[in-house]
Each structure stands twice: as C-alpha cells, then as structure tokens.
Amino acid sequence: MTDEANRAAFLEIQGRMIETTGKVKQVQNQMRNKEGEKKRAFLTLEELRQLPDDTNTYKSIGRTFVLEPKSILMNEQEQKLKDSESAIASLQSSKEYLEKLMAEVENNLKELLQQDPGLAHQIMSMTVV
C-alpha cells in the first residue's frame, strides 16, 4: 500500500475506534442509571413490605402525592425492578458486543502499523494541537 492509502486506512480505523469508545461509554452510563433505578425499586419494595396492609401509602406524581393502595405501589415497584433487570441484561450484551468490536478495531490498527513501520513513526512524531 502507498503512504496515502495507509494514512487513509489509519484515519478510518481511528474514527471507528473513537466512535466505538463513545458507544461503550454511553452503554456504561445507561447501565449505571438502570442499576440506580433497580436499587431504588428494591429499597422501596423492602420498605413497603414492612408496612401493614391497611397503611395509607402515597405515590409521588411530580409535586403531588396521591393516595394509592399498598398493593398497587408494590406491583409498580416490582415491575420497575423487572424492567431494570431486563434492560441491564440487554445493555450488558450490547456492551460485550461493542467490546468485541473494539478489540477487532485494535487488531486492525496493530496489523496496519506492523505492515507500515514508517506510518507508526509518523504517528508517534505527530503533535496534538
């Protein structure tokens, strides 16, 4: 390959690497948010279970609190817990896929740099602006 073709290939691989890294970070943030939702639902369920069945319970809707039966609140929290768990499982599989993709891109980059040591030298001598 010519130097220009190698540079173009490097820039393409670098772009894919940056894009994939961004997607991995996004998935990790989504997983962290879902873990928080799951924990809140679990803790709320634990507190609701300790209450007698005839206790007045309230649901927060914005700034308003609405009287709801305990059973409805428990069902809602159980559903939130299940939804969070399924979302976390889905995000975990997405994260694993993206990590495999990242490893593939890294291997492509290593192969390119091994094929053209001059390109590796040029990259190392570049300054970041």
Protein backbone atom coordinates (compact mmCIF):
# COMPACT_ATOMS: atom_id res chain seq x y z
CA MET A 1 0.00 0.00 0.00
CA THR A 2 1.10 3.55 -0.55
CA ASP A 3 1.65 6.01 2.26
CA GLU A 4 -1.56 7.86 1.39
CA ALA A 5 -3.59 4.67 1.42
CA ASN A 6 -2.09 3.69 4.78
CA ARG A 7 -2.84 7.11 6.23
CA ALA A 8 -6.42 6.92 4.97
CA ALA A 9 -6.80 3.44 6.46
CA PHE A 10 -5.35 4.69 9.75
CA LEU A 11 -7.75 7.63 9.86
CA GLU A 12 -10.69 5.32 9.15
CA ILE A 13 -9.64 2.90 11.90
CA GLN A 14 -9.05 5.79 14.29
CA GLY A 15 -12.55 7.12 13.55
CA ARG A 16 -14.11 3.71 14.22
CA MET A 17 -12.12 3.44 17.45
CA ILE A 18 -13.35 6.83 18.67
CA GLU A 19 -16.95 6.03 17.69
CA THR A 20 -16.88 2.62 19.40
CA THR A 21 -15.31 4.04 22.55
CA GLY A 22 -18.07 6.65 22.73
CA LYS A 23 -20.74 3.98 22.35
CA VAL A 24 -19.18 1.85 25.10
CA LYS A 25 -19.16 4.83 27.46
CA GLN A 26 -22.78 5.59 26.60
CA VAL A 27 -23.84 2.00 27.33
CA GLN A 28 -21.92 2.05 30.62
CA ASN A 29 -23.74 5.23 31.66
CA GLN A 30 -27.09 3.70 30.75
CA MET A 31 -26.22 0.61 32.78
CA ARG A 32 -25.26 2.77 35.76
CA ASN A 33 -28.60 4.61 35.54
CA LYS A 34 -30.55 1.35 35.34
CA GLU A 35 -28.63 -0.03 38.33
CA GLY A 36 -29.71 3.04 40.30
CA GLU A 37 -33.34 2.57 39.26
CA LYS A 38 -33.15 -1.09 40.22
CA LYS A 39 -31.69 -0.29 43.63
CA ARG A 40 -34.34 2.37 44.34
CA ALA A 41 -37.14 -0.03 43.36
CA PHE A 42 -35.64 -2.78 45.55
CA LEU A 43 -35.26 -0.50 48.58
CA THR A 44 -38.78 0.89 48.14
CA LEU A 45 -40.16 -2.65 47.96
CA GLU A 46 -38.31 -3.60 51.13
CA GLU A 47 -39.81 -0.64 52.97
CA LEU A 48 -43.31 -1.33 51.64
CA ARG A 49 -43.13 -4.97 52.74
CA GLN A 50 -42.56 -3.88 56.33
CA LEU A 51 -45.80 -1.86 56.40
CA PRO A 52 -49.13 -3.38 57.45
CA ASP A 53 -51.57 -3.92 54.57
CA ASP A 54 -54.01 -1.28 55.82
CA THR A 55 -51.40 1.52 55.88
CA ASN A 56 -52.12 4.62 53.81
CA THR A 57 -49.47 4.84 51.11
CA TYR A 58 -48.88 7.67 48.69
CA LYS A 59 -47.44 7.81 45.20
CA SER A 60 -45.43 10.82 44.12
CA ILE A 61 -46.54 12.36 40.85
CA GLY A 62 -44.41 15.43 40.27
CA ARG A 63 -45.05 17.70 43.25
CA THR A 64 -48.26 15.93 44.16
CA PHE A 65 -48.80 12.89 46.35
CA VAL A 66 -51.74 10.64 45.51
CA LEU A 67 -53.24 8.08 47.90
CA GLU A 68 -52.71 4.57 46.47
CA PRO A 69 -53.28 1.12 47.94
CA LYS A 70 -50.12 -0.61 49.09
CA SER A 71 -50.65 -3.49 46.65
CA ILE A 72 -50.61 -1.15 43.63
CA LEU A 73 -47.40 0.52 44.78
CA MET A 74 -45.79 -2.86 45.38
CA ASN A 75 -46.80 -4.06 41.90
CA GLU A 76 -45.37 -0.90 40.31
CA GLN A 77 -42.07 -1.29 42.16
CA GLU A 78 -41.84 -4.98 41.25
CA GLN A 79 -42.43 -4.07 37.60
CA LYS A 80 -39.74 -1.37 37.75
CA LEU A 81 -37.37 -3.92 39.25
CA LYS A 82 -38.08 -6.45 36.47
CA ASP A 83 -37.82 -3.80 33.75
CA SER A 84 -34.49 -2.59 35.12
CA GLU A 85 -33.11 -6.12 35.29
CA SER A 86 -34.09 -6.88 31.69
CA ALA A 87 -32.69 -3.53 30.49
CA ILE A 88 -29.42 -4.22 32.31
CA ALA A 89 -29.17 -7.66 30.69
CA SER A 90 -29.78 -6.15 27.26
CA LEU A 91 -27.24 -3.38 27.85
CA GLN A 92 -24.70 -5.94 29.07
CA SER A 93 -24.98 -7.88 25.82
CA SER A 94 -24.61 -4.63 23.86
CA LYS A 95 -21.54 -3.76 25.89
CA GLU A 96 -19.99 -7.17 25.23
CA TYR A 97 -20.62 -6.79 21.50
CA LEU A 98 -19.05 -3.32 21.48
CA GLU A 99 -16.03 -4.57 23.42
CA LYS A 100 -15.52 -7.35 20.82
CA LEU A 101 -15.81 -4.73 18.09
CA MET A 102 -13.26 -2.58 19.91
CA ALA A 103 -10.82 -5.50 20.13
CA GLU A 104 -11.26 -6.12 16.41
CA VAL A 105 -10.55 -2.47 15.61
CA GLU A 106 -7.46 -2.56 17.83
CA ASN A 107 -6.21 -5.66 16.00
CA ASN A 108 -6.78 -3.94 12.64
CA LEU A 109 -4.78 -0.97 13.87
CA LYS A 110 -1.92 -3.19 15.09
CA GLU A 111 -1.82 -5.02 11.75
CA LEU A 112 -1.71 -1.74 9.85
CA LEU A 113 1.11 -0.41 12.00
CA GLN A 114 3.07 -3.67 11.62
CA GLN A 115 2.68 -3.53 7.84
CA ASP A 116 3.99 0.02 7.65
CA PRO A 117 6.54 0.90 10.37
CA GLY A 118 7.05 4.29 8.70
CA LEU A 119 3.41 5.16 9.43
CA ALA A 120 3.89 4.20 13.08
CA HIS A 121 6.91 6.51 13.23
CA GLN A 122 4.94 9.36 11.64
CA ILE A 123 2.07 8.90 14.10
CA MET A 124 4.42 8.87 17.07
CA SER A 125 6.09 12.09 15.90
CA MET A 126 2.78 13.94 15.49
CA THR A 127 1.91 16.66 17.98
CA VAL A 128 -1.60 17.13 19.29
CA VAL A 129 -3.00 20.56 18.54
